[in-house]
Amino acid sequence: MIGAIVLAGGRATRLGGASKGDVTVGADTMLTHVTNACREVGVPRDNIVVVGHAQTDLKRTVEDPPHSGPAAGIGAGLAHVTGDRLFILSCDIPFIASGLPVLIDSFEGDGVCFGGIRTQYLAGLYSTSAVRARVAELQNEGGLVNLPVRAVLGALTVTVLGPNPAANDVDTWDEVECAREAAAPSD
């Protein structure tokens, strides 16, 4: 079984503080696009957890303390998911649906994620036990607060695939407008 942690708790400074997960692209919020993509590849609704304050009717938690970074978000989400593999995704990749089957088919080692200019750790599928072990290790070394995502996932044996447009994140209002145009039905 596969679980999913969707990180939706960043400060979104490039969006003027707007909650990224609540920004609409097409008919749905970016968060809804990501969580629906998980469900489309078989992740049970009750095995998806959203970490952050975005609006959702799915399970939700918040890192402790709030806004303490993506590593802390991953740690907070782990308590709410089961399964041998785990999607770890950001809420700002609204077109990820076509990429999730690629991750499933390419899974090996401790995990797989998309690459590009930089490794897209928050567009990946990971071994739940490997993530749990690394989080426990970091907690024993002083905790997860304010650590980057690569502190958790970069330490694993992860296959980095090439770039995939499905993993393009939407960080600015210009990128939101481009995503909205791409999601608009063609006439």
Protein backbone atom coordinates (compact mmCIF):
# COMPACT_ATOMS: atom_id res chain seq x y z
CA MET A 1 0.00 0.00 0.00
CA ILE A 2 1.10 3.55 -0.69
CA GLY A 3 0.54 6.55 1.57
CA ALA A 4 1.00 10.24 0.87
CA ILE A 5 2.27 13.26 2.76
CA VAL A 6 1.43 16.54 1.04
CA LEU A 7 3.29 19.54 2.40
CA ALA A 8 1.14 22.68 2.40
CA GLY A 9 2.59 24.70 5.24
CA GLY A 10 5.14 27.07 3.71
CA ARG A 11 5.02 30.83 4.10
CA ALA A 12 4.61 31.41 0.31
CA THR A 13 6.56 34.66 0.42
CA ARG A 14 6.70 34.86 -3.38
CA LEU A 15 2.88 34.74 -3.39
CA GLY A 16 2.61 37.53 -0.86
CA GLY A 17 1.80 35.05 1.90
CA ALA A 18 -1.19 33.47 0.13
CA SER A 19 -1.66 29.81 1.03
CA LYS A 20 -0.30 27.95 -2.01
CA GLY A 21 -2.57 24.98 -1.42
CA ASP A 22 -5.64 27.22 -1.58
CA VAL A 23 -4.71 28.91 -4.87
CA THR A 24 -6.95 27.73 -7.70
CA VAL A 25 -5.71 26.37 -11.00
CA GLY A 26 -8.59 25.43 -13.24
CA ALA A 27 -11.60 24.21 -11.32
CA ASP A 28 -9.70 23.13 -8.18
CA THR A 29 -7.11 24.30 -5.70
CA MET A 30 -3.51 23.21 -6.24
CA LEU A 31 -3.80 21.05 -3.12
CA THR A 32 -6.89 19.31 -4.49
CA HIS A 33 -5.09 18.59 -7.77
CA VAL A 34 -2.25 16.91 -5.83
CA THR A 35 -4.46 14.90 -3.48
CA ASN A 36 -6.77 13.82 -6.32
CA ALA A 37 -3.71 12.63 -8.26
CA CYS A 38 -2.76 10.46 -5.28
CA ARG A 39 -6.22 8.95 -5.13
CA GLU A 40 -6.17 8.29 -8.92
CA VAL A 41 -3.13 6.01 -8.49
CA GLY A 42 -4.72 4.10 -5.64
CA VAL A 43 -3.71 5.91 -2.46
CA PRO A 44 -6.64 5.47 -0.08
CA ARG A 45 -8.27 8.69 1.04
CA ASP A 46 -7.57 7.87 4.69
CA ASN A 47 -3.85 7.34 3.92
CA ILE A 48 -3.26 10.88 2.65
CA VAL A 49 -2.24 13.53 5.17
CA VAL A 50 -1.91 17.24 4.45
CA VAL A 51 0.68 19.04 6.57
CA GLY A 52 -0.21 22.72 6.90
CA HIS A 53 -3.13 25.10 7.03
CA ALA A 54 -4.58 24.79 3.51
CA GLN A 55 -8.28 23.97 3.31
CA THR A 56 -9.00 20.25 2.96
CA ASP A 57 -11.44 17.62 4.12
CA LEU A 58 -8.60 15.06 4.33
CA LYS A 59 -6.51 14.30 7.40
CA ARG A 60 -4.44 17.29 8.36
CA THR A 61 -1.65 17.98 10.80
CA VAL A 62 0.85 20.77 11.41
CA GLU A 63 4.54 20.60 12.17
CA ASP A 64 5.54 21.49 15.73
CA PRO A 65 6.20 24.35 15.99
CA PRO A 66 4.20 25.65 13.01
CA HIS A 67 6.28 26.95 10.08
CA SER A 68 9.34 25.00 11.21
CA GLY A 69 10.20 23.74 7.75
CA PRO A 70 9.67 20.84 5.39
CA ALA A 71 11.72 18.29 7.35
CA ALA A 72 9.53 18.94 10.40
CA GLY A 73 6.48 18.66 8.12
CA ILE A 74 7.58 15.25 6.90
CA GLY A 75 8.13 14.17 10.51
CA ALA A 76 4.65 15.37 11.50
CA GLY A 77 3.01 13.60 8.57
CA LEU A 78 4.66 10.23 9.21
CA ALA A 79 2.48 9.53 12.24
CA HIS A 80 -0.63 9.62 10.05
CA VAL A 81 0.25 7.29 7.15
CA THR A 82 0.86 3.60 6.67
CA GLY A 83 2.18 1.40 3.89
CA ASP A 84 5.53 0.35 2.55
CA ARG A 85 5.87 3.27 0.13
CA LEU A 86 5.10 6.92 0.56
CA PHE A 87 4.57 9.81 -1.82
CA ILE A 88 6.06 12.99 -0.42
CA LEU A 89 4.73 15.89 -2.44
CA SER A 90 4.45 19.64 -2.25
CA CYS A 91 1.03 21.19 -2.68
CA ASP A 92 2.22 23.45 -5.49
CA ILE A 93 2.61 20.86 -8.28
CA PRO A 94 -0.89 20.89 -9.75
CA PHE A 95 -0.04 18.80 -12.83
CA ILE A 96 1.61 15.90 -10.93
CA ALA A 97 -1.12 13.39 -11.92
CA SER A 98 0.75 12.24 -15.04
CA GLY A 99 3.98 11.92 -13.06
CA LEU A 100 2.82 9.65 -10.24
CA PRO A 101 2.56 6.51 -12.42
CA VAL A 102 6.11 7.20 -13.65
CA LEU A 103 7.33 7.30 -10.04
CA ILE A 104 5.53 4.06 -9.23
CA ASP A 105 6.99 2.30 -12.28
CA SER A 106 10.52 3.63 -11.59
CA PHE A 107 10.63 2.90 -7.85
CA GLU A 108 13.79 1.26 -6.53
CA GLY A 109 16.08 1.49 -3.52
CA ASP A 110 14.97 4.04 -0.96
CA GLY A 111 12.96 5.96 -3.52
CA VAL A 112 12.65 7.91 -6.71
CA CYS A 113 11.96 11.55 -7.52
CA PHE A 114 12.10 13.89 -10.47
CA GLY A 115 15.12 16.03 -11.26
CA GLY A 116 15.82 19.03 -13.42
CA ILE A 117 17.78 22.14 -12.51
CA ARG A 118 17.58 20.81 -8.95
CA THR A 119 16.40 17.57 -7.44
CA GLN A 120 12.62 17.70 -6.88
CA TYR A 121 12.51 15.75 -3.61
CA LEU A 122 8.93 16.92 -3.03
CA ALA A 123 7.82 15.12 -6.17
CA GLY A 124 8.85 11.64 -5.14
CA LEU A 125 7.96 8.17 -3.92
CA TYR A 126 9.97 6.75 -1.03
CA SER A 127 10.39 3.69 1.13
CA THR A 128 8.38 4.46 4.25
CA SER A 129 10.80 2.54 6.46
CA ALA A 130 13.80 4.45 5.04
CA VAL A 131 12.09 7.80 5.64
CA ARG A 132 11.07 6.78 9.17
CA ALA A 133 14.63 5.65 9.95
CA ARG A 134 16.14 8.91 8.67
CA VAL A 135 13.62 11.05 10.56
CA ALA A 136 14.38 9.10 13.77
CA GLU A 137 18.11 9.60 13.19
CA LEU A 138 17.66 13.36 12.76
CA GLN A 139 15.42 13.57 15.83
CA ASN A 140 18.15 11.86 17.86
CA GLU A 141 20.70 14.37 16.49
CA GLY A 142 18.78 17.43 17.61
CA GLY A 143 15.46 17.46 15.81
CA LEU A 144 13.86 18.43 12.53
CA VAL A 145 13.07 22.10 13.16
CA ASN A 146 14.24 24.39 10.34
CA LEU A 147 15.99 21.61 8.44
CA PRO A 148 15.63 21.51 4.65
CA VAL A 149 13.91 18.61 2.91
CA ARG A 150 17.26 17.34 1.62
CA ALA A 151 18.32 16.68 5.24
CA VAL A 152 15.74 13.88 5.25
CA LEU A 153 15.42 12.73 1.65
CA GLY A 154 18.86 13.69 0.34
CA ALA A 155 20.46 11.21 2.73
CA LEU A 156 18.57 8.27 1.21
CA THR A 157 19.54 6.18 -1.82
CA VAL A 158 17.20 7.90 -4.26
CA THR A 159 17.03 7.52 -8.02
CA VAL A 160 16.68 10.97 -9.57
CA LEU A 161 14.82 10.84 -12.86
CA GLY A 162 15.11 13.52 -15.50
CA PRO A 163 12.91 16.60 -15.49
CA ASN A 164 9.20 16.06 -15.95
CA PRO A 165 6.74 18.93 -16.54
CA ALA A 166 4.33 17.17 -14.17
CA ALA A 167 6.69 18.11 -11.32
CA ASN A 168 6.91 21.82 -12.15
CA ASP A 169 6.12 23.77 -9.03
CA VAL A 170 4.12 26.99 -8.99
CA ASP A 171 5.82 29.54 -6.74
CA THR A 172 4.96 33.00 -8.10
CA TRP A 173 1.84 34.76 -9.35
CA ASP A 174 3.30 34.71 -12.89
CA GLU A 175 3.66 30.92 -12.60
CA VAL A 176 0.09 30.70 -11.24
CA GLU A 177 -1.17 32.56 -14.32
CA CYS A 178 0.80 30.23 -16.63
CA ALA A 179 -0.62 27.19 -14.81
CA ARG A 180 -4.13 28.60 -15.10
CA GLU A 181 -3.66 29.11 -18.82
CA ALA A 182 -2.36 25.54 -19.20
CA ALA A 183 -5.35 24.19 -17.26
CA ALA A 184 -7.90 26.19 -19.22
CA PRO A 185 -10.01 24.13 -21.60
CA SER A 186 -9.03 24.66 -25.20
CA ASP A 187 -11.75 25.99 -27.47
